[in-house]
Every structure is written in structure tokens, then in C-alpha cells.
Amino acid sequence: SINTMGWYRQAPGKQRELVATITAGLSRNYADS
């Protein structure tokens, strides 16, 4: 409950990227893509 959680993705041949995060306070951020 106190941790920011995030979703990442890794496409073939590419580095892993962070695509979305949500904080404990429910603030959300997204990659532009």
C-alpha cells in the first residue's frame, strides 16, 4: 500500500521501458506513447 507501482515493457531488441506508474496516493503518470 505504501509503494509506487509501475508497469514496464520490453519489446524484442529494445530496452525495457517504464510505461505507467501509480503512487500510494493514486497519482498516475504515463509514457507519451
PDB file of all heavy atoms in Angstrom:
ATOM      1  N   SER A   1       0.798  -1.226   0.000  1.00  0.00           N
ATOM      2  CA  SER A   1       0.000   0.000   0.000  1.00  0.00           C
ATOM      3  C   SER A   1       0.831   1.277   0.000  1.00  0.00           C
ATOM      4  O   SER A   1       0.344   2.321  -0.421  1.00  0.00           O
ATOM      5  CB  SER A   1      -0.944   0.000   1.204  1.00  0.00           C
ATOM      6  OG  SER A   1      -0.190  -0.034   2.398  1.00  0.00           O
ATOM      7  N   ILE A   2       2.070   1.225   0.452  1.00  0.00           N
ATOM      8  CA  ILE A   2       2.868   2.450   0.543  1.00  0.00           C
ATOM      9  C   ILE A   2       3.786   2.642  -0.647  1.00  0.00           C
ATOM     10  O   ILE A   2       4.468   3.657  -0.756  1.00  0.00           O
ATOM     11  CB  ILE A   2       3.716   2.478   1.830  1.00  0.00           C
ATOM     12  CG1 ILE A   2       4.786   1.378   1.815  1.00  0.00           C
ATOM     13  CG2 ILE A   2       2.826   2.371   3.062  1.00  0.00           C
ATOM     14  CD1 ILE A   2       5.773   1.484   2.963  1.00  0.00           C
ATOM     15  N   ASN A   3       3.818   1.669  -1.534  1.00  0.00           N
ATOM     16  CA  ASN A   3       4.766   1.706  -2.633  1.00  0.00           C
ATOM     17  C   ASN A   3       4.157   2.205  -3.933  1.00  0.00           C
ATOM     18  O   ASN A   3       3.038   1.848  -4.288  1.00  0.00           O
ATOM     19  CB  ASN A   3       5.349   0.312  -2.886  1.00  0.00           C
ATOM     20  CG  ASN A   3       6.473  -0.019  -1.932  1.00  0.00           C
ATOM     21  OD1 ASN A   3       7.566   0.541  -2.046  1.00  0.00           O
ATOM     22  ND2 ASN A   3       6.217  -0.906  -0.992  1.00  0.00           N
ATOM     23  N   THR A   4       4.935   3.001  -4.659  1.00  0.00           N
ATOM     24  CA  THR A   4       4.600   3.311  -6.043  1.00  0.00           C
ATOM     25  C   THR A   4       4.811   2.051  -6.871  1.00  0.00           C
ATOM     26  O   THR A   4       5.825   1.369  -6.720  1.00  0.00           O
ATOM     27  CB  THR A   4       5.495   4.436  -6.580  1.00  0.00           C
ATOM     28  OG1 THR A   4       5.190   5.648  -5.869  1.00  0.00           O
ATOM     29  CG2 THR A   4       5.267   4.657  -8.068  1.00  0.00           C
ATOM     30  N   MET A   5       3.835   1.757  -7.714  1.00  0.00           N
ATOM     31  CA  MET A   5       3.930   0.592  -8.578  1.00  0.00           C
ATOM     32  C   MET A   5       3.990   1.058 -10.029  1.00  0.00           C
ATOM     33  O   MET A   5       3.454   2.117 -10.381  1.00  0.00           O
ATOM     34  CB  MET A   5       2.734  -0.333  -8.377  1.00  0.00           C
ATOM     35  CG  MET A   5       2.611  -0.913  -6.984  1.00  0.00           C
ATOM     36  SD  MET A   5       4.025  -1.955  -6.528  1.00  0.00           S
ATOM     37  CE  MET A   5       3.891  -3.271  -7.752  1.00  0.00           C
ATOM     38  N   GLY A   6       4.628   0.245 -10.847  1.00  0.00           N
ATOM     39  CA  GLY A   6       4.751   0.627 -12.250  1.00  0.00           C
ATOM     40  C   GLY A   6       4.649  -0.561 -13.173  1.00  0.00           C
ATOM     41  O   GLY A   6       4.906  -1.701 -12.770  1.00  0.00           O
ATOM     42  N   TRP A   7       4.253  -0.279 -14.393  1.00  0.00           N
ATOM     43  CA  TRP A   7       4.267  -1.268 -15.472  1.00  0.00           C
ATOM     44  C   TRP A   7       5.367  -0.893 -16.455  1.00  0.00           C
ATOM     45  O   TRP A   7       5.503   0.273 -16.847  1.00  0.00           O
ATOM     46  CB  TRP A   7       2.927  -1.308 -16.198  1.00  0.00           C
ATOM     47  CG  TRP A   7       1.885  -2.096 -15.484  1.00  0.00           C
ATOM     48  CD1 TRP A   7       0.902  -1.626 -14.664  1.00  0.00           C
ATOM     49  CD2 TRP A   7       1.726  -3.525 -15.510  1.00  0.00           C
ATOM     50  NE1 TRP A   7       0.155  -2.661 -14.184  1.00  0.00           N
ATOM     51  CE2 TRP A   7       0.630  -3.842 -14.689  1.00  0.00           C
ATOM     52  CE3 TRP A   7       2.403  -4.562 -16.151  1.00  0.00           C
ATOM     53  CZ2 TRP A   7       0.183  -5.153 -14.485  1.00  0.00           C
ATOM     54  CZ3 TRP A   7       1.971  -5.866 -15.955  1.00  0.00           C
ATOM     55  CH2 TRP A   7       0.878  -6.151 -15.135  1.00  0.00           C
ATOM     56  N   TYR A   8       6.129  -1.887 -16.837  1.00  0.00           N
ATOM     57  CA  TYR A   8       7.203  -1.744 -17.805  1.00  0.00           C
ATOM     58  C   TYR A   8       6.900  -2.649 -18.989  1.00  0.00           C
ATOM     59  O   TYR A   8       6.096  -3.573 -18.894  1.00  0.00           O
ATOM     60  CB  TYR A   8       8.534  -2.201 -17.202  1.00  0.00           C
ATOM     61  CG  TYR A   8       9.020  -1.437 -16.008  1.00  0.00           C
ATOM     62  CD1 TYR A   8       8.437  -1.598 -14.754  1.00  0.00           C
ATOM     63  CD2 TYR A   8      10.112  -0.571 -16.112  1.00  0.00           C
ATOM     64  CE1 TYR A   8       8.899  -0.911 -13.646  1.00  0.00           C
ATOM     65  CE2 TYR A   8      10.593   0.114 -15.006  1.00  0.00           C
ATOM     66  CZ  TYR A   8       9.986  -0.066 -13.783  1.00  0.00           C
ATOM     67  OH  TYR A   8      10.469   0.614 -12.686  1.00  0.00           O
ATOM     68  N   ARG A   9       7.609  -2.404 -20.066  1.00  0.00           N
ATOM     69  CA  ARG A   9       7.535  -3.332 -21.191  1.00  0.00           C
ATOM     70  C   ARG A   9       8.885  -3.405 -21.888  1.00  0.00           C
ATOM     71  O   ARG A   9       9.667  -2.463 -21.849  1.00  0.00           O
ATOM     72  CB  ARG A   9       6.447  -2.933 -22.182  1.00  0.00           C
ATOM     73  CG  ARG A   9       6.704  -1.648 -22.933  1.00  0.00           C
ATOM     74  CD  ARG A   9       5.498  -1.310 -23.798  1.00  0.00           C
ATOM     75  NE  ARG A   9       5.687  -0.077 -24.570  1.00  0.00           N
ATOM     76  CZ  ARG A   9       4.734   0.503 -25.277  1.00  0.00           C
ATOM     77  NH1 ARG A   9       3.503  -0.048 -25.320  1.00  0.00           N
ATOM     78  NH2 ARG A   9       4.992   1.609 -25.953  1.00  0.00           N
ATOM     79  N   GLN A  10       9.109  -4.540 -22.504  1.00  0.00           N
ATOM     80  CA  GLN A  10      10.341  -4.737 -23.264  1.00  0.00           C
ATOM     81  C   GLN A  10      10.007  -5.419 -24.576  1.00  0.00           C
ATOM     82  O   GLN A  10       9.543  -6.565 -24.583  1.00  0.00           O
ATOM     83  CB  GLN A  10      11.349  -5.559 -22.471  1.00  0.00           C
ATOM     84  CG  GLN A  10      12.706  -5.658 -23.158  1.00  0.00           C
ATOM     85  CD  GLN A  10      13.788  -6.194 -22.250  1.00  0.00           C
ATOM     86  OE1 GLN A  10      13.521  -6.861 -21.254  1.00  0.00           O
ATOM     87  NE2 GLN A  10      15.030  -5.896 -22.582  1.00  0.00           N
ATOM     88  N   ALA A  11      10.224  -4.692 -25.649  1.00  0.00           N
ATOM     89  CA  ALA A  11       9.998  -5.226 -26.983  1.00  0.00           C
ATOM     90  C   ALA A  11      11.281  -5.907 -27.462  1.00  0.00           C
ATOM     91  O   ALA A  11      12.376  -5.594 -26.966  1.00  0.00           O
ATOM     92  CB  ALA A  11       9.611  -4.105 -27.939  1.00  0.00           C
ATOM     93  N   PRO A  12      11.159  -6.825 -28.405  1.00  0.00           N
ATOM     94  CA  PRO A  12      12.343  -7.526 -28.907  1.00  0.00           C
ATOM     95  C   PRO A  12      13.409  -6.551 -29.399  1.00  0.00           C
ATOM     96  O   PRO A  12      13.118  -5.636 -30.174  1.00  0.00           O
ATOM     97  CB  PRO A  12      11.793  -8.365 -30.064  1.00  0.00           C
ATOM     98  CG  PRO A  12      10.359  -8.578 -29.715  1.00  0.00           C
ATOM     99  CD  PRO A  12       9.929  -7.321 -29.038  1.00  0.00           C
ATOM    100  N   GLY A  13      14.631  -6.734 -28.915  1.00  0.00           N
ATOM    101  CA  GLY A  13      15.737  -5.900 -29.344  1.00  0.00           C
ATOM    102  C   GLY A  13      15.764  -4.513 -28.752  1.00  0.00           C
ATOM    103  O   GLY A  13      16.608  -3.695 -29.134  1.00  0.00           O
ATOM    104  N   LYS A  14      14.874  -4.235 -27.810  1.00  0.00           N
ATOM    105  CA  LYS A  14      14.817  -2.905 -27.210  1.00  0.00           C
ATOM    106  C   LYS A  14      14.994  -2.986 -25.706  1.00  0.00           C
ATOM    107  O   LYS A  14      14.812  -4.035 -25.099  1.00  0.00           O
ATOM    108  CB  LYS A  14      13.489  -2.225 -27.542  1.00  0.00           C
ATOM    109  CG  LYS A  14      13.298  -1.924 -29.019  1.00  0.00           C
ATOM    110  CD  LYS A  14      12.058  -1.092 -29.249  1.00  0.00           C
ATOM    111  CE  LYS A  14      11.894  -0.726 -30.707  1.00  0.00           C
ATOM    112  NZ  LYS A  14      10.691   0.122 -30.944  1.00  0.00           N
ATOM    113  N   GLN A  15      15.340  -1.849 -25.124  1.00  0.00           N
ATOM    114  CA  GLN A  15      15.491  -1.797 -23.677  1.00  0.00           C
ATOM    115  C   GLN A  15      14.117  -1.776 -23.007  1.00  0.00           C
ATOM    116  O   GLN A  15      13.119  -1.338 -23.582  1.00  0.00           O
ATOM    117  CB  GLN A  15      16.277  -0.548 -23.282  1.00  0.00           C
ATOM    118  CG  GLN A  15      17.750  -0.612 -23.629  1.00  0.00           C
ATOM    119  CD  GLN A  15      18.537   0.526 -22.997  1.00  0.00           C
ATOM    120  OE1 GLN A  15      17.991   1.593 -22.734  1.00  0.00           O
ATOM    121  NE2 GLN A  15      19.814   0.304 -22.754  1.00  0.00           N
ATOM    122  N   ARG A  16      14.105  -2.232 -21.786  1.00  0.00           N
ATOM    123  CA  ARG A  16      12.881  -2.179 -21.007  1.00  0.00           C
ATOM    124  C   ARG A  16      12.540  -0.723 -20.728  1.00  0.00           C
ATOM    125  O   ARG A  16      13.411   0.080 -20.394  1.00  0.00           O
ATOM    126  CB  ARG A  16      13.087  -2.932 -19.700  1.00  0.00           C
ATOM    127  CG  ARG A  16      11.839  -3.171 -18.886  1.00  0.00           C
ATOM    128  CD  ARG A  16      12.148  -4.094 -17.733  1.00  0.00           C
ATOM    129  NE  ARG A  16      12.436  -5.444 -18.197  1.00  0.00           N
ATOM    130  CZ  ARG A  16      13.014  -6.384 -17.453  1.00  0.00           C
ATOM    131  NH1 ARG A  16      13.366  -6.107 -16.211  1.00  0.00           N
ATOM    132  NH2 ARG A  16      13.228  -7.583 -17.929  1.00  0.00           N
ATOM    133  N   GLU A  17      11.261  -0.382 -20.867  1.00  0.00           N
ATOM    134  CA  GLU A  17      10.827   0.989 -20.635  1.00  0.00           C
ATOM    135  C   GLU A  17       9.657   1.009 -19.663  1.00  0.00           C
ATOM    136  O   GLU A  17       8.831   0.101 -19.626  1.00  0.00           O
ATOM    137  CB  GLU A  17      10.416   1.670 -21.951  1.00  0.00           C
ATOM    138  CG  GLU A  17       9.242   1.041 -22.650  1.00  0.00           C
ATOM    139  CD  GLU A  17       8.705   1.859 -23.808  1.00  0.00           C
ATOM    140  OE1 GLU A  17       8.913   3.087 -23.839  1.00  0.00           O
ATOM    141  OE2 GLU A  17       8.043   1.260 -24.690  1.00  0.00           O
ATOM    142  N   LEU A  18       9.612   2.088 -18.904  1.00  0.00           N
ATOM    143  CA  LEU A  18       8.529   2.290 -17.947  1.00  0.00           C
ATOM    144  C   LEU A  18       7.375   2.965 -18.676  1.00  0.00           C
ATOM    145  O   LEU A  18       7.558   4.024 -19.277  1.00  0.00           O
ATOM    146  CB  LEU A  18       9.021   3.160 -16.789  1.00  0.00           C
ATOM    147  CG  LEU A  18       8.045   3.501 -15.678  1.00  0.00           C
ATOM    148  CD1 LEU A  18       7.572   2.242 -14.971  1.00  0.00           C
ATOM    149  CD2 LEU A  18       8.703   4.456 -14.680  1.00  0.00           C
ATOM    150  N   VAL A  19       6.191   2.376 -18.602  1.00  0.00           N
ATOM    151  CA  VAL A  19       5.066   2.936 -19.354  1.00  0.00           C
ATOM    152  C   VAL A  19       4.002   3.574 -18.479  1.00  0.00           C
ATOM    153  O   VAL A  19       3.263   4.440 -18.949  1.00  0.00           O
ATOM    154  CB  VAL A  19       4.406   1.888 -20.281  1.00  0.00           C
ATOM    155  CG1 VAL A  19       5.388   1.410 -21.329  1.00  0.00           C
ATOM    156  CG2 VAL A  19       3.858   0.709 -19.500  1.00  0.00           C
ATOM    157  N   ALA A  20       3.908   3.161 -17.209  1.00  0.00           N
ATOM    158  CA  ALA A  20       2.875   3.737 -16.343  1.00  0.00           C
ATOM    159  C   ALA A  20       3.259   3.543 -14.887  1.00  0.00           C
ATOM    160  O   ALA A  20       3.854   2.515 -14.535  1.00  0.00           O
ATOM    161  CB  ALA A  20       1.525   3.087 -16.603  1.00  0.00           C
ATOM    162  N   THR A  21       2.928   4.535 -14.077  1.00  0.00           N
ATOM    163  CA  THR A  21       3.157   4.425 -12.636  1.00  0.00           C
ATOM    164  C   THR A  21       1.927   4.905 -11.878  1.00  0.00           C
ATOM    165  O   THR A  21       1.169   5.744 -12.380  1.00  0.00           O
ATOM    166  CB  THR A  21       4.369   5.255 -12.169  1.00  0.00           C
ATOM    167  OG1 THR A  21       4.121   6.634 -12.445  1.00  0.00           O
ATOM    168  CG2 THR A  21       5.651   4.813 -12.859  1.00  0.00           C
ATOM    169  N   ILE A  22       1.773   4.377 -10.671  1.00  0.00           N
ATOM    170  CA  ILE A  22       0.709   4.830  -9.781  1.00  0.00           C
ATOM    171  C   ILE A  22       1.271   4.871  -8.369  1.00  0.00           C
ATOM    172  O   ILE A  22       1.854   3.887  -7.888  1.00  0.00           O
ATOM    173  CB  ILE A  22      -0.539   3.931  -9.887  1.00  0.00           C
ATOM    174  CG1 ILE A  22      -1.673   4.473  -9.011  1.00  0.00           C
ATOM    175  CG2 ILE A  22      -0.212   2.473  -9.562  1.00  0.00           C
ATOM    176  CD1 ILE A  22      -3.026   3.821  -9.309  1.00  0.00           C
ATOM    177  N   THR A  23       1.115   6.011  -7.725  1.00  0.00           N
ATOM    178  CA  THR A  23       1.651   6.162  -6.373  1.00  0.00           C
ATOM    179  C   THR A  23       0.668   5.651  -5.338  1.00  0.00           C
ATOM    180  O   THR A  23      -0.472   5.296  -5.653  1.00  0.00           O
ATOM    181  CB  THR A  23       1.944   7.643  -6.084  1.00  0.00           C
ATOM    182  OG1 THR A  23       0.700   8.352  -6.006  1.00  0.00           O
ATOM    183  CG2 THR A  23       2.825   8.265  -7.157  1.00  0.00           C
ATOM    184  N   ALA A  24       1.129   5.644  -4.092  1.00  0.00           N
ATOM    185  CA  ALA A  24       0.248   5.248  -2.998  1.00  0.00           C
ATOM    186  C   ALA A  24      -0.959   6.177  -2.911  1.00  0.00           C
ATOM    187  O   ALA A  24      -2.051   5.758  -2.522  1.00  0.00           O
ATOM    188  CB  ALA A  24       1.023   5.256  -1.680  1.00  0.00           C
ATOM    189  N   GLY A  25      -0.754   7.431  -3.294  1.00  0.00           N
ATOM    190  CA  GLY A  25      -1.830   8.404  -3.275  1.00  0.00           C
ATOM    191  C   GLY A  25      -2.648   8.442  -4.556  1.00  0.00           C
ATOM    192  O   GLY A  25      -3.457   9.345  -4.747  1.00  0.00           O
ATOM    193  N   LEU A  26      -2.429   7.483  -5.424  1.00  0.00           N
ATOM    194  CA  LEU A  26      -3.174   7.294  -6.670  1.00  0.00           C
ATOM    195  C   LEU A  26      -2.853   8.338  -7.742  1.00  0.00           C
ATOM    196  O   LEU A  26      -3.645   8.546  -8.665  1.00  0.00           O
ATOM    197  CB  LEU A  26      -4.682   7.233  -6.419  1.00  0.00           C
ATOM    198  CG  LEU A  26      -5.164   6.144  -5.454  1.00  0.00           C
ATOM    199  CD1 LEU A  26      -6.668   6.154  -5.347  1.00  0.00           C
ATOM    200  CD2 LEU A  26      -4.657   4.778  -5.869  1.00  0.00           C
ATOM    201  N   SER A  27      -1.706   8.962  -7.660  1.00  0.00           N
ATOM    202  CA  SER A  27      -1.256   9.801  -8.765  1.00  0.00           C
ATOM    203  C   SER A  27      -0.705   8.909  -9.869  1.00  0.00           C
ATOM    204  O   SER A  27       0.052   7.977  -9.585  1.00  0.00           O
ATOM    205  CB  SER A  27      -0.163  10.765  -8.289  1.00  0.00           C
ATOM    206  OG  SER A  27      -0.683  11.692  -7.364  1.00  0.00           O
ATOM    207  N   ARG A  28      -1.068   9.206 -11.083  1.00  0.00           N
ATOM    208  CA  ARG A  28      -0.699   8.362 -12.214  1.00  0.00           C
ATOM    209  C   ARG A  28       0.142   9.141 -13.202  1.00  0.00           C
ATOM    210  O   ARG A  28      -0.079  10.325 -13.430  1.00  0.00           O
ATOM    211  CB  ARG A  28      -1.952   7.848 -12.919  1.00  0.00           C
ATOM    212  CG  ARG A  28      -2.841   6.966 -12.059  1.00  0.00           C
ATOM    213  CD  ARG A  28      -4.167   6.713 -12.749  1.00  0.00           C
ATOM    214  NE  ARG A  28      -4.995   5.728 -12.065  1.00  0.00           N
ATOM    215  CZ  ARG A  28      -5.805   5.990 -11.048  1.00  0.00           C
ATOM    216  NH1 ARG A  28      -5.893   7.230 -10.582  1.00  0.00           N
ATOM    217  NH2 ARG A  28      -6.528   5.019 -10.501  1.00  0.00           N
ATOM    218  N   ASN A  29       1.092   8.445 -13.797  1.00  0.00           N
ATOM    219  CA  ASN A  29       1.880   9.010 -14.886  1.00  0.00           C
ATOM    220  C   ASN A  29       2.040   7.971 -15.976  1.00  0.00           C
ATOM    221  O   ASN A  29       2.088   6.774 -15.697  1.00  0.00           O
ATOM    222  CB  ASN A  29       3.254   9.457 -14.397  1.00  0.00           C
ATOM    223  CG  ASN A  29       3.192  10.825 -13.736  1.00  0.00           C
ATOM    224  OD1 ASN A  29       3.017  11.840 -14.406  1.00  0.00           O
ATOM    225  ND2 ASN A  29       3.322  10.858 -12.432  1.00  0.00           N
ATOM    226  N   TYR A  30       2.119   8.474 -17.211  1.00  0.00           N
ATOM    227  CA  TYR A  30       2.194   7.582 -18.362  1.00  0.00           C
ATOM    228  C   TYR A  30       3.266   8.054 -19.325  1.00  0.00           C
ATOM    229  O   TYR A  30       3.520   9.249 -19.483  1.00  0.00           O
ATOM    230  CB  TYR A  30       0.857   7.555 -19.103  1.00  0.00           C
ATOM    231  CG  TYR A  30      -0.300   7.077 -18.257  1.00  0.00           C
ATOM    232  CD1 TYR A  30      -1.116   7.972 -17.578  1.00  0.00           C
ATOM    233  CD2 TYR A  30      -0.574   5.711 -18.137  1.00  0.00           C
ATOM    234  CE1 TYR A  30      -2.161   7.543 -16.800  1.00  0.00           C
ATOM    235  CE2 TYR A  30      -1.633   5.260 -17.364  1.00  0.00           C
ATOM    236  CZ  TYR A  30      -2.422   6.178 -16.697  1.00  0.00           C
ATOM    237  OH  TYR A  30      -3.466   5.731 -15.926  1.00  0.00           O
ATOM    238  N   ALA A  31       3.866   7.094 -19.999  1.00  0.00           N
ATOM    239  CA  ALA A  31       4.743   7.433 -21.099  1.00  0.00           C
ATOM    240  C   ALA A  31       3.899   8.048 -22.214  1.00  0.00           C
ATOM    241  O   ALA A  31       2.727   7.697 -22.390  1.00  0.00           O
ATOM    242  CB  ALA A  31       5.456   6.186 -21.608  1.00  0.00           C
ATOM    243  N   ASP A  32       4.496   8.951 -22.960  1.00  0.00           N
ATOM    244  CA  ASP A  32       3.755   9.616 -24.035  1.00  0.00           C
ATOM    245  C   ASP A  32       3.176   8.622 -25.034  1.00  0.00           C
ATOM    246  O   ASP A  32       2.101   8.839 -25.585  1.00  0.00           O
ATOM    247  CB  ASP A  32       4.670  10.605 -24.766  1.00  0.00           C
ATOM    248  CG  ASP A  32       4.983  11.828 -23.933  1.00  0.00           C
ATOM    249  OD1 ASP A  32       4.265  12.077 -22.936  1.00  0.00           O
ATOM    250  OD2 ASP A  32       5.952  12.535 -24.264  1.00  0.00           O
ATOM    251  N   SER A  33       3.865   7.528 -25.228  1.00  0.00           N
ATOM    252  CA  SER A  33       3.449   6.548 -26.232  1.00  0.00           C
ATOM    253  C   SER A  33       2.149   5.831 -25.871  1.00  0.00           C
ATOM    254  O   SER A  33       1.498   5.249 -26.744  1.00  0.00           O
ATOM    255  CB  SER A  33       4.556   5.520 -26.453  1.00  0.00           C
ATOM    256  OG  SER A  33       4.886   4.872 -25.240  1.00  0.00           O
TER     257      SER A  33
END
